[in-house]
Protein backbone atom coordinates (compact mmCIF):
# COMPACT_ATOMS: atom_id res chain seq x y z
CA UNK A 1 -16.99 9.80 -1.09
CA UNK A 2 -16.74 13.43 -1.54
CA UNK A 3 -17.17 15.74 -4.48
CA UNK A 4 -13.78 16.31 -5.75
CA UNK A 5 -14.41 18.31 -8.93
CA UNK A 6 -12.07 20.95 -7.79
CA UNK A 7 -9.34 18.66 -8.34
CA UNK A 8 -10.42 17.99 -11.86
CA UNK A 9 -10.48 19.28 -14.94
CA UNK A 10 -13.18 18.27 -16.49
CA UNK A 11 -13.82 19.62 -19.43
CA UNK A 12 -10.69 18.68 -20.27
CA UNK A 13 -10.64 14.99 -18.89
CA UNK A 14 -14.14 14.15 -20.34
CA UNK A 15 -13.50 14.82 -23.98
CA UNK A 16 -9.42 13.02 -23.52
CA UNK A 17 -10.55 10.19 -22.46
CA UNK A 18 -13.70 10.07 -25.20
CA UNK A 19 -10.28 10.09 -27.69
CA UNK A 20 -8.07 7.66 -25.58
CA UNK A 21 -10.57 4.99 -23.85
CA UNK A 22 -12.18 2.57 -26.22
CA UNK A 23 -15.74 2.26 -25.22
CA UNK A 24 -15.98 5.94 -22.74
CA UNK A 25 -18.78 7.86 -24.03
CA UNK A 26 -19.82 10.92 -21.52
CA UNK A 27 -21.42 12.29 -19.81
CA UNK A 28 -20.01 11.73 -16.63
CA UNK A 29 -19.96 11.73 -12.86
CA UNK A 30 -17.02 12.53 -10.89
CA UNK A 31 -16.76 11.68 -6.87
CA UNK A 32 -13.22 11.62 -5.03
CA UNK A 33 -12.66 8.72 -2.51
CA UNK A 34 -12.18 10.04 1.22
CA UNK A 35 -9.78 7.10 1.86
CA UNK A 36 -6.32 6.91 0.59
CA UNK A 37 -3.60 9.73 1.20
CA UNK A 38 -0.89 9.52 -1.11
CA UNK A 39 -2.32 9.75 -4.26
CA UNK A 40 -6.30 11.58 -4.67
CA UNK A 41 -8.33 8.74 -6.36
CA UNK A 42 -11.77 9.39 -7.74
CA UNK A 43 -14.75 7.40 -9.17
CA UNK A 44 -15.87 8.16 -13.43
CA UNK A 45 -19.49 6.93 -13.35
CA UNK A 46 -20.77 7.44 -17.43
CA UNK A 47 -24.05 5.94 -18.03
CA UNK A 48 -22.28 2.48 -19.49
CA UNK A 49 -19.59 1.73 -17.31
CA UNK A 50 -17.32 3.12 -14.18
CA UNK A 51 -14.10 3.65 -13.68
CA UNK A 52 -11.43 4.84 -11.03
CA UNK A 53 -8.69 7.77 -11.77
CA UNK A 54 -5.65 8.48 -9.99
CA UNK A 55 -3.53 11.38 -9.75
CA UNK A 56 -0.67 12.95 -8.09
CA UNK A 57 -1.45 14.99 -5.53
CA UNK A 58 -0.72 19.02 -6.22
CA UNK A 59 1.80 21.09 -4.90
CA UNK A 60 5.95 20.17 -4.28
CA UNK A 61 6.58 16.37 -4.23
CA UNK A 62 9.03 14.51 -2.60
CA UNK A 63 12.17 12.69 -5.54
CA UNK A 64 10.49 9.41 -6.33
CA UNK A 65 6.89 9.67 -4.34
CA UNK A 66 3.69 9.04 -5.74
CA UNK A 67 4.38 7.32 -8.38
CA UNK A 68 1.34 6.67 -10.43
CA UNK A 69 3.34 5.56 -13.31
CA UNK A 70 4.86 2.40 -11.64
CA UNK A 71 1.21 1.44 -9.99
CA UNK A 72 0.26 1.47 -13.60
CA UNK A 73 3.30 -0.41 -14.82
CA UNK A 74 2.97 -3.22 -12.35
CA UNK A 75 -0.31 -3.56 -12.51
CA UNK A 76 -0.28 -3.37 -16.40
CA UNK A 77 2.14 -6.31 -16.26
CA UNK A 78 0.16 -8.52 -13.71
CA UNK A 79 -3.29 -8.86 -15.70
CA UNK A 80 -2.56 -11.48 -16.91
CA UNK A 81 -1.04 -13.40 -13.96
CA UNK A 82 -2.26 -15.31 -10.55
CA UNK A 83 -2.25 -11.94 -8.88
CA UNK A 84 -5.69 -10.18 -8.89
CA UNK A 85 -5.59 -6.78 -9.79
CA UNK A 86 -8.38 -4.13 -11.28
CA UNK A 87 -8.27 -4.24 -15.31
CA UNK A 88 -6.47 -1.19 -16.51
CA UNK A 89 -7.17 1.31 -19.09
CA UNK A 90 -4.68 4.14 -19.60
CA UNK A 91 -1.27 6.05 -18.57
CA UNK A 92 -1.74 9.70 -18.97
CA UNK A 93 1.67 11.94 -18.25
CA UNK A 94 0.49 14.88 -20.82
CA UNK A 95 0.37 17.01 -17.15
CA UNK A 96 -2.41 19.49 -19.27
CA UNK A 97 -5.06 17.31 -18.93
CA UNK A 98 -5.68 17.55 -15.29
CA UNK A 99 -2.90 19.34 -14.01
CA UNK A 100 -1.23 16.35 -13.20
CA UNK A 101 0.08 12.39 -14.52
CA UNK A 102 -2.93 9.85 -13.80
CA UNK A 103 -3.94 6.75 -14.65
CA UNK A 104 -7.65 5.01 -15.40
CA UNK A 105 -9.06 1.34 -14.29
CA UNK A 106 -11.81 -0.20 -14.56
CA UNK A 107 -13.88 0.17 -11.19
CA UNK A 108 -13.92 -3.71 -9.48
CA UNK A 109 -17.15 -3.64 -7.38
CA UNK A 110 -16.16 -5.87 -4.27
CA UNK A 111 -15.72 -4.91 0.02
CA UNK A 112 -12.81 -2.85 1.42
CA UNK A 113 -12.61 -3.87 5.49
CA UNK A 114 -10.18 -0.83 7.00
CA UNK A 115 -10.06 -2.75 10.53
CA UNK A 116 -8.19 -6.20 10.38
CA UNK A 117 -10.41 -7.75 13.13
CA UNK A 118 -13.17 -7.60 10.44
CA UNK A 119 -16.17 -6.81 12.74
CA UNK A 120 -18.38 -6.96 9.73
CA UNK A 121 -17.95 -10.31 9.75
CA UNK A 122 -19.53 -9.93 13.43
CA UNK A 123 -19.31 -13.81 15.55
CA UNK A 124 -18.11 -15.63 11.92
CA UNK A 125 -14.86 -16.82 12.83
CA UNK A 126 -14.82 -19.68 9.90
CA UNK A 127 -14.99 -16.87 7.30
CA UNK A 128 -12.85 -14.21 9.16
CA UNK A 129 -10.25 -17.28 9.41
CA UNK A 130 -11.00 -17.84 5.96
CA UNK A 131 -10.30 -14.50 4.85
CA UNK A 132 -7.08 -14.29 5.74
CA UNK A 133 -5.48 -17.50 4.28
CA UNK A 134 -6.12 -15.70 1.27
CA UNK A 135 -4.94 -13.02 2.26
CA UNK A 136 -2.24 -14.91 2.93
CA UNK A 137 -1.93 -17.47 -0.71
CA UNK A 138 -2.20 -13.77 -2.78
CA UNK A 139 0.85 -12.66 -0.75
CA UNK A 140 2.57 -15.76 -1.78
CA UNK A 141 1.64 -15.68 -5.56
CA UNK A 142 2.70 -11.93 -5.86
CA UNK A 143 5.87 -13.11 -4.38
CA UNK A 144 6.18 -16.04 -6.59
CA UNK A 145 5.44 -13.67 -9.83
CA UNK A 146 8.22 -14.35 -12.44
CA UNK A 147 9.38 -10.96 -13.03
CA UNK A 148 11.05 -11.34 -15.77
CA UNK A 149 8.50 -13.24 -17.92
CA UNK A 150 5.78 -10.49 -17.18
CA UNK A 151 8.39 -7.37 -18.13
CA UNK A 152 9.68 -6.13 -14.56
CA UNK A 153 12.79 -7.34 -14.48
CA UNK A 154 14.19 -3.51 -14.63
CA UNK A 155 11.39 -2.61 -11.88
CA UNK A 156 14.25 -2.09 -8.89
CA UNK A 157 17.59 -1.83 -8.23
CA UNK A 158 20.10 -4.88 -7.84
CA UNK A 159 22.13 -5.51 -4.30
CA UNK A 160 20.53 -5.20 -0.95
CA UNK A 161 17.08 -4.44 -0.67
CA UNK A 162 16.88 -3.42 3.08
CA UNK A 163 20.48 -1.12 2.87
CA UNK A 164 18.87 0.39 0.01
CA UNK A 165 15.72 0.96 1.45
CA UNK A 166 16.96 2.02 5.42
CA UNK A 167 18.74 4.96 2.95
CA UNK A 168 16.18 5.57 1.32
CA UNK A 169 14.02 5.48 4.15
CA UNK A 170 16.11 7.69 6.31
CA UNK A 171 16.61 10.24 3.80
CA UNK A 172 13.09 10.97 3.14
CA UNK A 173 11.68 10.95 6.78
CA UNK A 174 14.73 13.78 7.12
CA UNK A 175 13.55 15.73 3.74
CA UNK A 176 9.75 15.40 5.10
CA UNK A 177 10.30 15.52 8.65
CA UNK A 178 8.11 18.37 10.59
CA UNK A 179 9.66 17.90 14.27
CA UNK A 180 12.55 16.71 16.70
CA UNK A 181 11.79 13.03 17.43
CA UNK A 182 13.52 11.21 20.05
CA UNK A 183 14.85 7.98 19.16
CA UNK A 184 14.63 8.38 15.34
CA UNK A 185 17.96 9.21 14.72
CA UNK A 186 19.08 6.17 17.00
CA UNK A 187 16.63 3.67 15.33
CA UNK A 188 18.54 5.22 11.78
CA UNK A 189 21.55 4.23 13.12
CA UNK A 190 20.55 0.57 14.24
CA UNK A 191 18.72 -0.25 11.52
CA UNK A 192 21.64 0.58 9.32
CA UNK A 193 24.47 -0.82 11.45
CA UNK A 194 22.05 -4.63 11.66
CA UNK A 195 21.13 -4.67 8.07
CA UNK A 196 21.00 -8.27 7.54
CA UNK A 197 23.51 -9.87 4.50
CA UNK A 198 21.92 -9.52 1.44
CA UNK A 199 20.40 -13.18 0.70
CA UNK A 200 20.06 -12.61 -3.33
CA UNK A 201 16.51 -13.42 -2.41
CA UNK A 202 14.55 -10.70 -5.11
CA UNK A 203 10.98 -10.93 -6.08
CA UNK A 204 7.93 -8.51 -6.47
CA UNK A 205 7.03 -6.92 -3.53
CA UNK A 206 3.94 -4.57 -2.91
CA UNK A 207 4.79 -2.04 -0.35
CA UNK A 208 1.81 -1.83 1.05
CA UNK A 209 0.41 -5.16 1.96
CA UNK A 210 -2.30 -4.36 4.11
CA UNK A 211 -5.93 -5.83 4.43
CA UNK A 212 -7.66 -1.92 3.27
CA UNK A 213 -5.64 -2.21 0.59
CA UNK A 214 -7.56 -5.08 -0.99
CA UNK A 215 -11.36 -5.72 -2.25
CA UNK A 216 -13.15 -9.13 -1.32
CA UNK A 217 -16.18 -11.01 -2.84
CA UNK A 218 -19.07 -10.25 -0.47
CA UNK A 219 -20.19 -14.42 -1.76
CA UNK A 220 -16.94 -16.39 -1.55
CA UNK A 221 -14.48 -13.65 0.48
CA UNK A 222 -11.84 -13.97 -2.47
CA UNK A 223 -9.38 -11.48 -3.34
CA UNK A 224 -10.54 -9.57 -6.07
CA UNK A 225 -8.20 -6.82 -6.55
CA UNK A 226 -5.00 -5.67 -4.52
CA UNK A 227 -4.84 -1.91 -4.44
CA UNK A 228 -2.25 0.62 -4.21
CA UNK A 229 0.81 -0.39 -5.92
CA UNK A 230 2.80 2.87 -5.60
CA UNK A 231 5.67 1.67 -3.29
CA UNK A 232 6.12 -1.61 -5.45
CA UNK A 233 9.35 -2.62 -6.22
CA UNK A 234 11.71 -5.37 -6.79
CA UNK A 235 13.01 -6.45 -3.15
CA UNK A 236 13.19 -8.68 -0.28
CA UNK A 237 9.16 -10.67 0.25
CA UNK A 238 10.06 -10.62 4.10
CA UNK A 239 9.53 -6.83 3.29
CA UNK A 240 5.63 -7.05 2.74
CA UNK A 241 5.43 -10.30 5.10
CA UNK A 242 6.62 -8.19 8.46
CA UNK A 243 4.57 -5.24 7.19
CA UNK A 244 1.43 -7.39 7.10
CA UNK A 245 2.81 -8.98 10.77
CA UNK A 246 2.94 -5.19 12.40
CA UNK A 247 -0.37 -4.51 11.90
CA UNK A 248 -0.72 -7.78 14.64
CA UNK A 249 1.46 -5.27 16.56
CA UNK A 250 -0.36 -2.29 16.68
CA UNK A 251 -3.34 -0.51 18.65
CA UNK A 252 -6.85 -1.42 17.75
CA UNK A 253 -7.79 2.22 18.24
CA UNK A 254 -5.12 3.87 15.87
CA UNK A 255 -6.08 5.41 12.71
CA UNK A 256 -4.21 2.37 10.83
CA UNK A 257 -5.78 -0.08 13.56
CA UNK A 258 -3.86 -3.09 14.94
CA UNK A 259 -4.40 -6.48 16.79
CA UNK A 260 -2.75 -5.80 19.78
CA UNK A 261 -4.35 -7.00 22.45
CA UNK A 262 -7.75 -8.93 20.33
CA UNK A 263 -8.44 -12.31 21.43
CA UNK A 264 -7.53 -13.84 17.87
CA UNK A 265 -8.22 -16.88 18.19
CA UNK A 266 -11.87 -15.93 19.03
CA UNK A 267 -12.05 -14.25 16.50
CA UNK A 268 -10.60 -16.96 13.97
CA UNK A 269 -7.28 -14.30 13.05
CA UNK A 270 -3.69 -16.50 12.75
CA UNK A 271 -1.43 -15.86 15.31
CA UNK A 272 1.45 -14.41 13.36
CA UNK A 273 3.52 -17.56 13.75
CA UNK A 274 1.01 -19.50 12.45
CA UNK A 275 0.46 -16.89 9.98
CA UNK A 276 4.39 -16.83 9.25
CA UNK A 277 4.55 -20.77 8.95
CA UNK A 278 1.56 -20.78 6.49
CA UNK A 279 3.38 -17.99 3.66
CA UNK A 280 6.66 -20.19 4.64
CA UNK A 281 4.74 -23.60 3.54
CA UNK A 282 3.47 -21.97 0.29
CA UNK A 283 6.68 -20.57 -1.13
CA UNK A 284 8.91 -22.90 0.38
CA UNK A 285 11.29 -20.22 1.98
CA UNK A 286 12.65 -21.17 5.59
CA UNK A 287 11.27 -19.27 8.15
CA UNK A 288 12.86 -15.60 8.57
CA UNK A 289 15.99 -15.23 11.26
CA UNK A 290 16.11 -11.37 11.99
CA UNK A 291 12.90 -11.60 12.60
CA UNK A 292 12.90 -8.36 14.85
CA UNK A 293 14.71 -6.45 12.78
CA UNK A 294 12.31 -6.90 9.68
CA UNK A 295 9.54 -5.64 12.33
CA UNK A 296 11.90 -2.60 13.15
CA UNK A 297 11.78 -1.64 9.99
CA UNK A 298 8.56 -1.62 8.86
CA UNK A 299 7.83 0.00 12.12
CA UNK A 300 10.08 2.74 10.67
CA UNK A 301 9.28 2.68 7.38
CA UNK A 302 5.74 3.13 8.30
CA UNK A 303 6.67 6.09 10.55
CA UNK A 304 9.03 7.86 7.70
CA UNK A 305 5.44 7.18 4.88
CA UNK A 306 3.54 9.04 7.77
CA UNK A 307 5.47 11.39 8.79
CA UNK A 308 5.36 12.44 4.71
CA UNK A 309 1.83 12.51 5.28
CA UNK A 310 1.87 15.02 7.72
CA UNK A 311 4.35 17.38 5.75
CA UNK A 312 1.43 17.49 3.07
CA UNK A 313 -1.17 18.62 5.60
CA UNK A 314 1.28 20.83 6.88
CA UNK A 315 1.96 22.42 3.54
CA UNK A 316 -1.33 22.19 2.49
CA UNK A 317 -1.27 19.56 -0.51
CA UNK A 318 -3.11 16.60 1.85
CA UNK A 319 -5.70 14.46 0.05
CA UNK A 320 -7.48 14.52 3.35
CA UNK A 321 -5.89 16.83 5.47
CA UNK A 322 -7.65 15.74 9.35
CA UNK A 323 -7.22 12.52 8.01
CA UNK A 324 -3.39 13.58 7.00
CA UNK A 325 -2.57 14.92 10.78
CA UNK A 326 -4.25 12.09 12.85
CA UNK A 327 -2.20 10.18 10.64
CA UNK A 328 1.11 11.76 11.13
CA UNK A 329 -0.09 11.31 15.00
CA UNK A 330 0.97 7.94 15.00
CA UNK A 331 4.61 8.61 14.39
CA UNK A 332 6.18 8.82 17.58
CA UNK A 333 4.53 5.63 18.67
CA UNK A 334 6.28 3.56 15.54
CA UNK A 335 9.28 4.55 16.41
CA UNK A 336 9.00 3.51 19.65
CA UNK A 337 7.68 0.12 19.06
CA UNK A 338 10.61 -0.16 16.39
CA UNK A 339 12.67 0.39 19.15
CA UNK A 340 11.27 -1.70 21.59
CA UNK A 341 11.60 -4.74 19.06
CA UNK A 342 15.92 -4.11 18.61
CA UNK A 343 16.58 -2.22 22.10
């Protein structure tokens, strides 16, 4: 973590929290988490408790991006559900406090694994396999949430989710583009023309379901909390499933590393087919047809997200500029892999 006080107006934040957050008492120390490209994230430590603050980045933002209000709403709705999320404390929409909208949640102690190979577990293939199974179980739990019961029935638009997503991310990519990317228009056209027909299935979707967006227990390796709900919405569960399975096909040395070429059996990591089968058994959903479309869409969507990250680096608004530029360099490969799935 790094000092993040340049992005937090402590003279206003501490009094605000003392007035609005029950049990909060200063003095407070602030440190910025080095990870996280979309919304700057900070650890707040007091003598009696620790919290996490998420804010929108500075500068001009793309429409509908960096929606910390949505993160707050979905995690608040899931507080009493089977989906593990951090305890939520407050949302502040008064931009005069620290310069942007922000929310505060309690700090959850747990371990983050940045590499899907989970090298921290060494030769313990049994534990690694258990960890993947628990990720699978939590994904199924997210998709089984009764959105009406938890108050999220209006959390997304109706109609063909993938058609809307292809249109949205094509628009976002063009708005954020920092280069002429060969193949990107061809890919967007293919996705638009080959979107599967709407099957009527709607669930809560996380939108960025990866191993590095979870906190795990050091003792039993349960998922302690699912983080980074900025892209959550109501949509099709295959979007989350394919997005996670995309990591099976990405290079191990990428800034967002994958499992391409890895001896998964030796590591205890399930094959993509077995992971999908376990998910379908848990949810009662039939194995997806049009799997190539879902994978290609996932590669494209991530490319659009990272082109936005790259744009923020170019504009001087990135949370971590060096990491943002490294992530931006993934875009051509992601576009190529998407095209390889369908061409």
